[in-house]
């Protein structure tokens, strides 16, 4: 099997970005709600989105280009990351439309909203999980800006909680994920596997065994 070589320095930036997003998958979606300094509520999806720090909890997402959500967050210092569930797939995709800054995606797309507990931006009422965040800092790389926010409040629908620990269950959350091009993915088969502690690893050498046998 042969390989085709791609040199990012010799390619148009967006062309290499399309290659990256066709390979780094599936990618979770940060469905980010923000509010402008003029009070316009914005809702946009960002599919470059992981967790950056565990405690204090920090999330970050990347704004490719200067989106309205980035401008709003820089102005107000607050945003909400809403979970992207399967049943809201069409609305999630519709909020990627390039509406002008004075138009609220909540109103244009018909997404029901609710008040947040600790920040001004609205939460998506139909989303099972919302992380309310305060901006810590941003970092720009070329045409992209990474936005870091400390989670100050989490609101979780009780219907997705399960087990003794009361944690969200993936089959109840039903997440949507981004793939390459205009492709998306729903939750497929879920498998479970436990991690093997080192002391239980086959062939693990335990010095205590020599002492017991001597």
N, C-alpha and C. Protein backbone atom coordinates (compact mmCIF):
# COMPACT_ATOMS: atom_id res chain seq x y z
N UNK A 1 0.84 -1.20 0.00
CA UNK A 1 0.00 0.00 0.00
C UNK A 1 0.87 1.24 0.00
N UNK A 2 0.70 2.11 -1.00
CA UNK A 2 1.50 3.32 -1.07
C UNK A 2 0.88 4.45 -0.29
N UNK A 3 1.68 5.47 -0.04
CA UNK A 3 1.20 6.65 0.68
C UNK A 3 1.34 7.88 -0.22
N UNK A 4 0.41 8.81 -0.10
CA UNK A 4 0.50 10.08 -0.79
C UNK A 4 0.97 11.13 0.19
N UNK A 5 1.93 11.92 -0.19
CA UNK A 5 2.51 12.92 0.71
C UNK A 5 1.82 14.27 0.55
N UNK A 6 1.62 14.95 1.71
CA UNK A 6 1.02 16.28 1.74
C UNK A 6 1.95 17.20 2.53
N UNK A 7 2.35 18.30 1.97
CA UNK A 7 3.20 19.27 2.64
C UNK A 7 2.35 20.51 2.95
N UNK A 8 2.04 20.75 4.23
CA UNK A 8 1.18 21.89 4.56
C UNK A 8 1.75 23.23 4.11
N UNK A 9 3.08 23.34 4.00
CA UNK A 9 3.68 24.59 3.58
C UNK A 9 3.48 24.85 2.09
N UNK A 10 3.14 23.82 1.35
CA UNK A 10 2.95 23.97 -0.08
C UNK A 10 1.47 23.95 -0.47
N UNK A 11 0.59 23.88 0.52
CA UNK A 11 -0.84 23.80 0.25
C UNK A 11 -1.56 25.06 0.72
N UNK A 12 -2.66 25.34 0.09
CA UNK A 12 -3.52 26.41 0.57
C UNK A 12 -4.04 26.01 1.94
N UNK A 13 -4.01 26.94 2.93
CA UNK A 13 -4.35 26.57 4.31
C UNK A 13 -5.65 25.82 4.47
N UNK A 14 -6.70 26.26 3.79
CA UNK A 14 -8.00 25.60 3.94
C UNK A 14 -7.97 24.19 3.39
N UNK A 15 -7.11 23.95 2.38
CA UNK A 15 -7.01 22.61 1.81
C UNK A 15 -6.44 21.65 2.84
N UNK A 16 -5.41 22.08 3.56
CA UNK A 16 -4.83 21.19 4.58
C UNK A 16 -5.77 21.05 5.77
N UNK A 17 -6.53 22.10 6.07
CA UNK A 17 -7.54 22.02 7.14
C UNK A 17 -8.58 20.95 6.82
N UNK A 18 -8.97 20.87 5.56
CA UNK A 18 -9.94 19.85 5.17
C UNK A 18 -9.36 18.45 5.33
N UNK A 19 -8.05 18.32 5.09
CA UNK A 19 -7.40 17.02 5.32
C UNK A 19 -7.40 16.68 6.81
N UNK A 20 -7.07 17.64 7.64
CA UNK A 20 -7.05 17.41 9.09
C UNK A 20 -8.41 16.96 9.60
N UNK A 21 -9.46 17.66 9.20
CA UNK A 21 -10.79 17.36 9.72
C UNK A 21 -11.36 16.07 9.14
N UNK A 22 -10.77 15.58 8.05
CA UNK A 22 -11.19 14.30 7.50
C UNK A 22 -10.53 13.13 8.22
N UNK A 23 -9.52 13.44 9.05
CA UNK A 23 -8.75 12.39 9.72
C UNK A 23 -8.93 12.43 11.25
N UNK A 24 -8.97 13.63 11.81
CA UNK A 24 -9.13 13.76 13.26
C UNK A 24 -10.61 13.63 13.57
N UNK A 25 -11.04 12.42 13.84
CA UNK A 25 -12.47 12.17 14.00
C UNK A 25 -12.72 10.92 14.84
N UNK A 26 -13.92 10.82 15.40
CA UNK A 26 -14.96 11.84 15.40
C UNK A 26 -14.59 12.98 16.35
N UNK A 27 -15.14 14.16 16.10
CA UNK A 27 -14.82 15.31 16.92
C UNK A 27 -16.06 15.79 17.66
N UNK A 28 -15.94 16.01 18.98
CA UNK A 28 -17.09 16.55 19.72
C UNK A 28 -17.37 17.98 19.30
N UNK A 29 -18.58 18.41 19.52
CA UNK A 29 -19.01 19.74 19.10
C UNK A 29 -19.25 20.64 20.30
N UNK A 30 -18.61 21.79 20.29
CA UNK A 30 -18.92 22.82 21.29
C UNK A 30 -19.98 23.72 20.67
N UNK A 31 -21.21 23.59 21.17
CA UNK A 31 -22.31 24.43 20.68
C UNK A 31 -22.33 25.64 21.59
N UNK A 32 -21.66 26.70 21.18
CA UNK A 32 -21.33 27.82 22.06
C UNK A 32 -22.36 28.94 21.95
N UNK A 33 -22.91 29.29 23.10
CA UNK A 33 -23.80 30.45 23.15
C UNK A 33 -23.07 31.60 23.83
N UNK A 34 -23.26 32.79 23.28
CA UNK A 34 -22.62 33.98 23.82
C UNK A 34 -23.57 35.16 23.64
N UNK A 35 -23.21 36.29 24.20
CA UNK A 35 -24.03 37.49 24.09
C UNK A 35 -23.13 38.66 23.76
N UNK A 36 -23.52 39.44 22.77
CA UNK A 36 -22.70 40.59 22.38
C UNK A 36 -22.81 41.71 23.41
N UNK A 37 -21.94 42.69 23.29
CA UNK A 37 -22.00 43.84 24.19
C UNK A 37 -23.30 44.61 24.02
N UNK A 38 -23.93 44.46 22.85
CA UNK A 38 -25.21 45.12 22.58
C UNK A 38 -26.41 44.27 22.98
N UNK A 39 -26.15 43.08 23.54
CA UNK A 39 -27.24 42.24 24.03
C UNK A 39 -27.82 41.26 23.02
N UNK A 40 -27.14 41.02 21.89
CA UNK A 40 -27.62 40.06 20.90
C UNK A 40 -27.09 38.67 21.26
N UNK A 41 -28.01 37.71 21.35
CA UNK A 41 -27.62 36.34 21.72
C UNK A 41 -27.18 35.56 20.49
N UNK A 42 -26.01 34.94 20.61
CA UNK A 42 -25.41 34.21 19.49
C UNK A 42 -25.30 32.73 19.84
N UNK A 43 -25.40 31.89 18.83
CA UNK A 43 -25.25 30.44 19.02
C UNK A 43 -24.51 29.88 17.82
N UNK A 44 -23.36 29.26 18.05
CA UNK A 44 -22.53 28.77 16.95
C UNK A 44 -21.87 27.45 17.33
N UNK A 45 -21.59 26.62 16.32
CA UNK A 45 -20.92 25.36 16.61
C UNK A 45 -19.43 25.47 16.28
N UNK A 46 -18.63 24.83 17.12
CA UNK A 46 -17.17 24.78 16.95
C UNK A 46 -16.77 23.32 17.16
N UNK A 47 -16.19 22.73 16.13
CA UNK A 47 -15.87 21.30 16.22
C UNK A 47 -14.40 21.02 16.47
N UNK A 48 -13.66 22.02 16.95
CA UNK A 48 -12.31 21.78 17.47
C UNK A 48 -12.42 22.11 18.96
N UNK A 49 -12.65 21.08 19.76
CA UNK A 49 -13.11 21.32 21.13
C UNK A 49 -12.75 20.15 22.07
N UNK A 50 -11.80 20.34 22.97
CA UNK A 50 -11.54 19.36 24.03
C UNK A 50 -11.59 20.01 25.41
N UNK A 51 -11.24 19.21 26.42
CA UNK A 51 -11.09 19.70 27.80
C UNK A 51 -9.62 20.01 28.00
N UNK A 52 -9.31 21.19 28.55
CA UNK A 52 -7.91 21.54 28.72
C UNK A 52 -7.33 21.29 30.10
N UNK A 53 -8.16 21.37 31.13
CA UNK A 53 -7.67 21.17 32.49
C UNK A 53 -8.79 20.57 33.32
N UNK A 54 -8.40 19.71 34.27
CA UNK A 54 -9.39 19.00 35.08
C UNK A 54 -9.84 19.84 36.27
N UNK A 55 -8.89 20.41 37.04
CA UNK A 55 -9.28 21.20 38.19
C UNK A 55 -8.31 22.35 38.40
N UNK A 56 -8.80 23.56 38.49
CA UNK A 56 -10.19 23.93 38.21
C UNK A 56 -10.53 23.60 36.76
N UNK A 57 -11.77 23.19 36.50
CA UNK A 57 -12.11 22.72 35.15
C UNK A 57 -12.06 23.84 34.12
N UNK A 58 -11.37 23.57 33.02
CA UNK A 58 -11.25 24.53 31.92
C UNK A 58 -11.55 23.82 30.61
N UNK A 59 -12.42 24.42 29.81
CA UNK A 59 -12.69 23.93 28.46
C UNK A 59 -12.08 24.91 27.47
N UNK A 60 -11.76 24.41 26.29
CA UNK A 60 -11.35 25.35 25.25
C UNK A 60 -11.87 24.88 23.90
N UNK A 61 -12.11 25.85 23.03
CA UNK A 61 -12.50 25.56 21.66
C UNK A 61 -11.75 26.52 20.75
N UNK A 62 -11.68 26.15 19.48
CA UNK A 62 -10.95 26.98 18.52
C UNK A 62 -11.92 27.66 17.57
N UNK A 63 -11.80 28.96 17.46
CA UNK A 63 -12.56 29.72 16.48
C UNK A 63 -11.68 29.83 15.24
N UNK A 64 -12.09 29.15 14.17
CA UNK A 64 -11.35 29.23 12.90
C UNK A 64 -11.84 30.47 12.18
N UNK A 65 -10.99 31.48 12.12
CA UNK A 65 -11.42 32.78 11.63
C UNK A 65 -12.06 33.56 12.77
N UNK A 66 -12.53 34.75 12.47
CA UNK A 66 -13.16 35.59 13.51
C UNK A 66 -14.67 35.45 13.44
N UNK A 67 -15.18 34.54 14.26
CA UNK A 67 -16.63 34.34 14.32
C UNK A 67 -17.23 35.29 15.34
N UNK A 68 -18.54 35.50 15.25
CA UNK A 68 -19.23 36.42 16.18
C UNK A 68 -19.06 35.98 17.62
N UNK A 69 -19.05 34.66 17.84
CA UNK A 69 -18.92 34.18 19.22
C UNK A 69 -17.59 34.61 19.82
N UNK A 70 -16.52 34.61 19.03
CA UNK A 70 -15.22 35.04 19.54
C UNK A 70 -15.26 36.51 19.93
N UNK A 71 -15.82 37.35 19.07
CA UNK A 71 -15.93 38.78 19.37
C UNK A 71 -16.75 39.00 20.64
N UNK A 72 -17.87 38.30 20.74
CA UNK A 72 -18.74 38.45 21.92
C UNK A 72 -18.01 38.07 23.20
N UNK A 73 -17.31 36.95 23.16
CA UNK A 73 -16.63 36.45 24.36
C UNK A 73 -15.50 37.39 24.76
N UNK A 74 -14.79 37.94 23.79
CA UNK A 74 -13.74 38.90 24.11
C UNK A 74 -14.33 40.15 24.76
N UNK A 75 -15.53 40.55 24.33
CA UNK A 75 -16.16 41.75 24.87
C UNK A 75 -16.76 41.53 26.25
N UNK A 76 -17.36 40.37 26.49
CA UNK A 76 -18.11 40.16 27.74
C UNK A 76 -17.46 39.19 28.71
N UNK A 77 -16.55 38.32 28.21
CA UNK A 77 -15.84 37.40 29.10
C UNK A 77 -16.66 36.21 29.55
N UNK A 78 -17.77 35.90 28.87
CA UNK A 78 -18.63 34.78 29.28
C UNK A 78 -19.14 34.01 28.08
N UNK A 79 -19.37 32.70 28.29
CA UNK A 79 -20.00 31.89 27.24
C UNK A 79 -20.50 30.59 27.86
N UNK A 80 -21.30 29.86 27.10
CA UNK A 80 -21.83 28.57 27.53
C UNK A 80 -21.53 27.54 26.45
N UNK A 81 -21.03 26.38 26.87
CA UNK A 81 -20.85 25.26 25.94
C UNK A 81 -22.01 24.31 26.16
N UNK A 82 -22.87 24.22 25.16
CA UNK A 82 -24.04 23.35 25.24
C UNK A 82 -23.74 22.02 24.55
N UNK A 83 -24.17 20.93 25.16
CA UNK A 83 -23.99 19.61 24.56
C UNK A 83 -24.83 19.51 23.29
N UNK A 84 -24.32 18.80 22.28
CA UNK A 84 -24.99 18.69 20.99
C UNK A 84 -25.65 17.33 20.83
N UNK A 85 -26.95 17.21 21.14
CA UNK A 85 -27.63 15.91 21.10
C UNK A 85 -28.22 15.60 19.72
N UNK A 86 -28.40 14.32 19.49
CA UNK A 86 -28.88 13.83 18.21
C UNK A 86 -30.22 14.44 17.80
N UNK A 87 -31.13 14.60 18.76
CA UNK A 87 -32.46 15.07 18.40
C UNK A 87 -32.50 16.53 17.96
N UNK A 88 -31.38 17.25 18.13
CA UNK A 88 -31.31 18.64 17.70
C UNK A 88 -30.37 18.82 16.52
N UNK A 89 -30.08 17.74 15.82
CA UNK A 89 -29.11 17.73 14.74
C UNK A 89 -29.33 18.85 13.71
N UNK A 90 -30.54 18.98 13.20
CA UNK A 90 -30.80 19.97 12.16
C UNK A 90 -30.63 21.40 12.69
N UNK A 91 -31.03 21.64 13.92
CA UNK A 91 -30.86 22.98 14.50
C UNK A 91 -29.38 23.28 14.74
N UNK A 92 -28.64 22.27 15.18
CA UNK A 92 -27.20 22.46 15.38
C UNK A 92 -26.54 22.87 14.08
N UNK A 93 -26.85 22.14 13.01
CA UNK A 93 -26.26 22.44 11.72
C UNK A 93 -26.70 23.82 11.22
N UNK A 94 -27.95 24.19 11.46
CA UNK A 94 -28.47 25.46 10.98
C UNK A 94 -27.79 26.65 11.64
N UNK A 95 -27.31 26.48 12.88
CA UNK A 95 -26.65 27.60 13.56
C UNK A 95 -25.25 27.85 13.00
N UNK A 96 -24.79 27.03 12.05
CA UNK A 96 -23.52 27.29 11.38
C UNK A 96 -23.70 28.25 10.21
N UNK A 97 -24.94 28.63 9.92
CA UNK A 97 -25.21 29.61 8.86
C UNK A 97 -24.57 30.95 9.21
N UNK A 98 -24.04 31.62 8.21
CA UNK A 98 -23.32 32.88 8.48
C UNK A 98 -24.28 34.06 8.63
N UNK A 99 -25.08 34.01 9.69
CA UNK A 99 -25.96 35.14 9.99
C UNK A 99 -25.12 36.36 10.38
N UNK A 100 -25.59 37.56 10.08
CA UNK A 100 -24.86 38.76 10.49
C UNK A 100 -24.89 38.93 12.01
N UNK A 101 -23.97 39.71 12.57
CA UNK A 101 -23.86 39.86 14.02
C UNK A 101 -25.13 40.32 14.73
N UNK A 102 -25.95 41.11 14.04
CA UNK A 102 -27.16 41.64 14.69
C UNK A 102 -28.31 40.65 14.72
N UNK A 103 -28.12 39.45 14.16
CA UNK A 103 -29.15 38.42 14.14
C UNK A 103 -28.84 37.35 15.17
N UNK A 104 -29.82 37.02 16.00
CA UNK A 104 -29.66 35.96 16.99
C UNK A 104 -30.01 34.61 16.36
N UNK A 105 -29.08 33.67 16.44
CA UNK A 105 -29.34 32.32 15.92
C UNK A 105 -30.47 31.64 16.69
N UNK A 106 -30.63 31.96 17.97
CA UNK A 106 -31.73 31.40 18.74
C UNK A 106 -33.06 31.71 18.04
N UNK A 107 -33.22 32.96 17.65
CA UNK A 107 -34.47 33.39 17.01
C UNK A 107 -34.56 32.93 15.56
N UNK A 108 -33.48 33.06 14.82
CA UNK A 108 -33.50 32.75 13.40
C UNK A 108 -33.75 31.26 13.14
N UNK A 109 -33.15 30.41 13.98
CA UNK A 109 -33.26 28.96 13.79
C UNK A 109 -34.43 28.38 14.59
N UNK A 110 -34.88 29.11 15.59
CA UNK A 110 -35.97 28.62 16.42
C UNK A 110 -35.51 27.69 17.52
N UNK A 111 -34.38 28.03 18.15
CA UNK A 111 -33.85 27.23 19.25
C UNK A 111 -34.36 27.80 20.58
N UNK A 112 -35.07 26.98 21.34
CA UNK A 112 -35.59 27.43 22.64
C UNK A 112 -34.43 27.67 23.60
N UNK A 113 -34.53 28.72 24.38
CA UNK A 113 -33.46 29.08 25.31
C UNK A 113 -33.95 29.10 26.75
N UNK A 114 -33.01 29.16 27.66
CA UNK A 114 -33.32 29.32 29.08
C UNK A 114 -32.21 30.14 29.72
N UNK A 115 -32.51 30.75 30.85
CA UNK A 115 -31.51 31.55 31.56
C UNK A 115 -30.42 30.66 32.14
N UNK A 116 -29.20 31.18 32.14
CA UNK A 116 -28.09 30.50 32.81
C UNK A 116 -28.08 30.87 34.28
N UNK A 117 -27.34 30.10 35.07
CA UNK A 117 -27.29 30.34 36.51
C UNK A 117 -26.22 31.35 36.91
N UNK A 118 -25.06 31.33 36.20
CA UNK A 118 -23.93 32.14 36.65
C UNK A 118 -23.41 33.12 35.59
N UNK A 119 -23.89 33.00 34.36
CA UNK A 119 -23.40 33.89 33.30
C UNK A 119 -24.59 34.47 32.54
N UNK A 120 -24.34 35.54 31.77
CA UNK A 120 -25.41 36.20 31.03
C UNK A 120 -25.87 35.46 29.78
N UNK A 121 -24.96 34.84 29.00
CA UNK A 121 -25.41 34.14 27.79
C UNK A 121 -26.45 33.06 28.11
N UNK A 122 -27.38 32.87 27.21
CA UNK A 122 -28.44 31.89 27.40
C UNK A 122 -27.95 30.46 27.20
N UNK A 123 -28.66 29.52 27.81
CA UNK A 123 -28.41 28.10 27.56
C UNK A 123 -29.41 27.60 26.53
N UNK A 124 -29.07 26.52 25.83
CA UNK A 124 -30.01 25.86 24.93
C UNK A 124 -30.92 24.99 25.77
N UNK A 125 -32.20 25.28 25.78
CA UNK A 125 -33.14 24.58 26.66
C UNK A 125 -33.21 23.09 26.36
N UNK A 126 -33.09 22.70 25.09
CA UNK A 126 -33.20 21.30 24.72
C UNK A 126 -31.93 20.50 24.85
N UNK A 127 -30.84 21.15 25.22
CA UNK A 127 -29.57 20.44 25.38
C UNK A 127 -29.51 19.82 26.78
N UNK A 128 -29.10 18.55 26.89
CA UNK A 128 -29.09 17.90 28.19
C UNK A 128 -28.00 18.36 29.15
N UNK A 129 -26.96 19.00 28.63
CA UNK A 129 -25.85 19.46 29.47
C UNK A 129 -25.39 20.84 29.00
N UNK A 130 -25.14 21.72 29.95
CA UNK A 130 -24.60 23.04 29.63
C UNK A 130 -23.50 23.39 30.63
N UNK A 131 -22.35 23.81 30.10
CA UNK A 131 -21.24 24.25 30.93
C UNK A 131 -21.12 25.77 30.81
N UNK A 132 -21.40 26.46 31.89
CA UNK A 132 -21.29 27.91 31.91
C UNK A 132 -19.84 28.29 32.22
N UNK A 133 -19.27 29.15 31.40
CA UNK A 133 -17.84 29.42 31.49
C UNK A 133 -17.52 30.91 31.58
N UNK A 134 -16.44 31.20 32.29
CA UNK A 134 -15.87 32.54 32.36
C UNK A 134 -14.54 32.51 31.60
N UNK A 135 -14.35 33.45 30.71
CA UNK A 135 -13.14 33.50 29.90
C UNK A 135 -11.90 33.65 30.79
N UNK A 136 -10.90 32.81 30.54
CA UNK A 136 -9.61 32.97 31.23
C UNK A 136 -8.63 33.69 30.32
N UNK A 137 -8.52 33.23 29.07
CA UNK A 137 -7.66 33.90 28.10
C UNK A 137 -7.89 33.32 26.71
N UNK A 138 -7.36 34.00 25.71
CA UNK A 138 -7.38 33.50 24.34
C UNK A 138 -5.95 33.46 23.82
N UNK A 139 -5.74 32.62 22.82
CA UNK A 139 -4.41 32.53 22.21
C UNK A 139 -4.59 32.40 20.70
N UNK A 140 -4.01 33.30 19.94
CA UNK A 140 -4.18 33.29 18.49
C UNK A 140 -3.02 32.59 17.80
N UNK A 141 -3.37 31.76 16.82
CA UNK A 141 -2.40 31.09 15.97
C UNK A 141 -2.82 31.35 14.52
N UNK A 142 -2.14 32.26 13.84
CA UNK A 142 -2.49 32.53 12.45
C UNK A 142 -3.94 32.98 12.34
N UNK A 143 -4.74 32.20 11.56
CA UNK A 143 -6.13 32.60 11.34
C UNK A 143 -7.09 32.04 12.38
N UNK A 144 -6.56 31.40 13.43
CA UNK A 144 -7.41 30.75 14.43
C UNK A 144 -7.11 31.28 15.83
N UNK A 145 -8.13 31.24 16.68
CA UNK A 145 -7.98 31.68 18.06
C UNK A 145 -8.54 30.63 19.00
N UNK A 146 -7.73 30.21 19.96
CA UNK A 146 -8.17 29.25 20.97
C UNK A 146 -8.73 30.01 22.15
N UNK A 147 -9.95 29.66 22.54
CA UNK A 147 -10.65 30.34 23.64
C UNK A 147 -10.69 29.41 24.84
N UNK A 148 -10.15 29.85 25.96
CA UNK A 148 -10.14 29.06 27.19
C UNK A 148 -11.13 29.65 28.18
N UNK A 149 -11.96 28.79 28.77
CA UNK A 149 -12.92 29.27 29.75
C UNK A 149 -13.02 28.34 30.94
N UNK A 150 -13.02 28.92 32.13
CA UNK A 150 -13.19 28.12 33.34
C UNK A 150 -14.67 27.82 33.56
N UNK A 151 -14.98 26.58 33.80
CA UNK A 151 -16.36 26.17 34.04
C UNK A 151 -16.76 26.61 35.45
N UNK A 152 -17.77 27.47 35.55
CA UNK A 152 -18.22 27.96 36.85
C UNK A 152 -19.54 27.32 37.27
N UNK A 153 -20.19 26.63 36.33
CA UNK A 153 -21.46 25.98 36.66
C UNK A 153 -21.78 24.96 35.57
N UNK A 154 -22.32 23.83 35.98
CA UNK A 154 -22.78 22.81 35.03
C UNK A 154 -24.23 22.49 35.34
N UNK A 155 -25.06 22.46 34.31
CA UNK A 155 -26.48 22.13 34.46
C UNK A 155 -26.74 20.87 33.62
N UNK A 156 -27.18 19.81 34.29
CA UNK A 156 -27.37 18.52 33.63
C UNK A 156 -28.80 18.03 33.82
N UNK A 157 -29.44 17.64 32.74
CA UNK A 157 -30.80 17.10 32.80
C UNK A 157 -30.77 15.76 33.53
N UNK A 158 -31.62 15.61 34.53
CA UNK A 158 -31.63 14.39 35.33
C UNK A 158 -31.94 13.15 34.50
N UNK A 159 -32.59 13.33 33.36
CA UNK A 159 -32.97 12.18 32.54
C UNK A 159 -31.78 11.47 31.91
N UNK A 160 -30.60 12.11 31.88
CA UNK A 160 -29.42 11.46 31.28
C UNK A 160 -28.47 10.91 32.34
N UNK A 161 -28.83 11.05 33.62
CA UNK A 161 -27.98 10.56 34.69
C UNK A 161 -28.31 9.11 35.01
N UNK A 162 -27.26 8.34 35.35
CA UNK A 162 -27.47 6.92 35.60
C UNK A 162 -26.41 6.39 36.55
N UNK A 163 -26.74 5.33 37.27
CA UNK A 163 -25.78 4.64 38.12
C UNK A 163 -25.61 5.26 39.49
N UNK A 164 -24.80 4.58 40.32
CA UNK A 164 -24.59 5.02 41.69
C UNK A 164 -23.93 6.39 41.76
N UNK A 165 -23.06 6.68 40.80
CA UNK A 165 -22.35 7.97 40.80
C UNK A 165 -23.20 9.09 40.21
N UNK A 166 -24.30 8.73 39.58
CA UNK A 166 -25.17 9.74 39.01
C UNK A 166 -24.53 10.52 37.88
N UNK A 167 -23.78 9.82 37.02
CA UNK A 167 -23.10 10.48 35.91
C UNK A 167 -23.90 10.35 34.61
N UNK A 168 -23.71 11.27 33.68
CA UNK A 168 -24.39 11.15 32.38
C UNK A 168 -23.96 9.87 31.67
N UNK A 169 -24.92 9.22 31.02
CA UNK A 169 -24.63 7.99 30.28
C UNK A 169 -24.69 8.30 28.78
N UNK A 170 -23.70 7.81 28.06
CA UNK A 170 -23.57 8.17 26.65
C UNK A 170 -24.79 7.77 25.83
N UNK A 171 -25.41 6.64 26.15
CA UNK A 171 -26.56 6.19 25.36
C UNK A 171 -27.82 7.01 25.66
N UNK A 172 -27.80 7.73 26.76
CA UNK A 172 -28.90 8.64 27.07
C UNK A 172 -28.62 10.04 26.50
N UNK A 173 -27.35 10.39 26.43
CA UNK A 173 -26.98 11.69 25.88
C UNK A 173 -27.17 11.73 24.36
N UNK A 174 -26.86 10.62 23.68
CA UNK A 174 -26.99 10.53 22.22
C UNK A 174 -26.26 11.69 21.53
N UNK A 175 -24.93 11.74 21.63
CA UNK A 175 -24.18 12.86 21.05
C UNK A 175 -24.09 12.79 19.53
N UNK A 176 -23.98 13.96 18.92
CA UNK A 176 -23.62 14.08 17.52
C UNK A 176 -22.13 14.42 17.46
N UNK A 177 -21.46 13.96 16.42
CA UNK A 177 -20.04 14.26 16.25
C UNK A 177 -19.78 14.71 14.82
N UNK A 178 -18.75 15.55 14.66
CA UNK A 178 -18.38 16.02 13.33
C UNK A 178 -17.34 15.11 12.72
N UNK A 179 -17.46 14.90 11.43
CA UNK A 179 -16.48 14.13 10.68
C UNK A 179 -15.87 15.08 9.64
N UNK A 180 -15.47 14.55 8.48
CA UNK A 180 -14.90 15.41 7.45
C UNK A 180 -15.99 15.96 6.55
N UNK A 181 -15.57 16.92 5.69
CA UNK A 181 -16.48 17.51 4.71
C UNK A 181 -17.80 17.94 5.37
N UNK A 182 -18.95 17.46 4.85
CA UNK A 182 -20.24 17.81 5.46
C UNK A 182 -20.81 16.59 6.20
N UNK A 183 -19.93 15.70 6.63
CA UNK A 183 -20.34 14.45 7.26
C UNK A 183 -20.46 14.59 8.77
N UNK A 184 -21.43 13.91 9.33
CA UNK A 184 -21.66 13.86 10.76
C UNK A 184 -21.81 12.40 11.19
N UNK A 185 -21.74 12.14 12.49
CA UNK A 185 -21.91 10.77 12.98
C UNK A 185 -22.80 10.76 14.20
N UNK A 186 -23.63 9.73 14.28
CA UNK A 186 -24.42 9.46 15.48
C UNK A 186 -23.72 8.40 16.30
N UNK A 187 -24.22 8.18 17.51
CA UNK A 187 -23.64 7.17 18.39
C UNK A 187 -23.83 5.78 17.79
N UNK A 188 -22.74 5.04 17.65
CA UNK A 188 -22.81 3.67 17.15
C UNK A 188 -22.75 2.68 18.30
N UNK A 189 -22.14 1.54 18.03
CA UNK A 189 -22.02 0.51 19.06
C UNK A 189 -21.06 0.97 20.15
N UNK A 190 -21.44 0.77 21.40
CA UNK A 190 -20.62 1.18 22.53
C UNK A 190 -20.02 -0.07 23.17
N UNK A 191 -18.71 -0.07 23.36
CA UNK A 191 -18.02 -1.19 23.98
C UNK A 191 -17.39 -0.74 25.29
N UNK A 192 -17.30 -1.65 26.23
CA UNK A 192 -16.66 -1.38 27.51
C UNK A 192 -15.47 -2.31 27.70
N UNK A 193 -14.39 -1.80 28.26
CA UNK A 193 -13.23 -2.62 28.56
C UNK A 193 -12.53 -2.01 29.78
N UNK A 194 -12.16 -2.84 30.72
CA UNK A 194 -11.50 -2.36 31.93
C UNK A 194 -10.00 -2.25 31.71
N UNK A 195 -9.37 -1.38 32.45
CA UNK A 195 -7.92 -1.24 32.38
C UNK A 195 -7.28 -2.26 33.32
N UNK A 196 -6.15 -2.80 32.91
CA UNK A 196 -5.45 -3.79 33.72
C UNK A 196 -4.38 -3.10 34.56
N UNK A 197 -4.49 -3.15 35.91
CA UNK A 197 -3.44 -2.57 36.75
C UNK A 197 -2.10 -3.27 36.49
N UNK A 198 -1.01 -2.55 36.68
CA UNK A 198 0.30 -3.11 36.41
C UNK A 198 0.57 -4.38 37.20
N UNK A 199 0.12 -4.39 38.47
CA UNK A 199 0.38 -5.56 39.30
C UNK A 199 -0.37 -6.80 38.84
N UNK A 200 -1.40 -6.61 38.01
CA UNK A 200 -2.14 -7.74 37.47
C UNK A 200 -1.74 -8.09 36.04
N UNK A 201 -0.77 -7.36 35.49
CA UNK A 201 -0.36 -7.60 34.11
C UNK A 201 0.33 -8.95 34.01
N UNK A 202 0.02 -9.75 32.99
CA UNK A 202 0.64 -11.07 32.83
C UNK A 202 2.17 -10.96 32.79
N UNK A 203 2.82 -11.78 33.62
CA UNK A 203 4.28 -11.76 33.65
C UNK A 203 4.86 -10.67 34.52
N UNK A 204 4.01 -9.94 35.25
CA UNK A 204 4.51 -8.88 36.11
C UNK A 204 5.38 -9.45 37.22
N UNK A 205 6.55 -8.86 37.42
CA UNK A 205 7.47 -9.31 38.46
C UNK A 205 7.17 -8.61 39.77
N UNK A 206 6.90 -9.40 40.81
CA UNK A 206 6.61 -8.88 42.13
C UNK A 206 7.71 -9.33 43.08
N UNK A 207 8.56 -8.41 43.58
CA UNK A 207 9.65 -8.80 44.49
C UNK A 207 9.15 -9.50 45.74
N UNK A 208 7.92 -9.21 46.15
CA UNK A 208 7.37 -9.85 47.34
C UNK A 208 7.22 -11.35 47.19
N UNK A 209 7.05 -11.83 45.95
CA UNK A 209 6.88 -13.26 45.74
C UNK A 209 8.15 -14.02 46.11
N UNK A 210 9.34 -13.43 45.86
CA UNK A 210 10.60 -14.08 46.22
C UNK A 210 10.74 -14.21 47.74
N UNK A 211 10.33 -13.14 48.43
CA UNK A 211 10.44 -13.15 49.90
C UNK A 211 9.53 -14.23 50.49
N UNK A 212 8.33 -14.39 49.92
CA UNK A 212 7.40 -15.38 50.45
C UNK A 212 7.89 -16.80 50.19
N UNK A 213 8.57 -17.00 49.06
CA UNK A 213 9.02 -18.35 48.71
C UNK A 213 10.33 -18.75 49.38
N UNK A 214 11.06 -17.73 49.93
CA UNK A 214 12.36 -18.05 50.56
C UNK A 214 12.18 -18.51 51.99
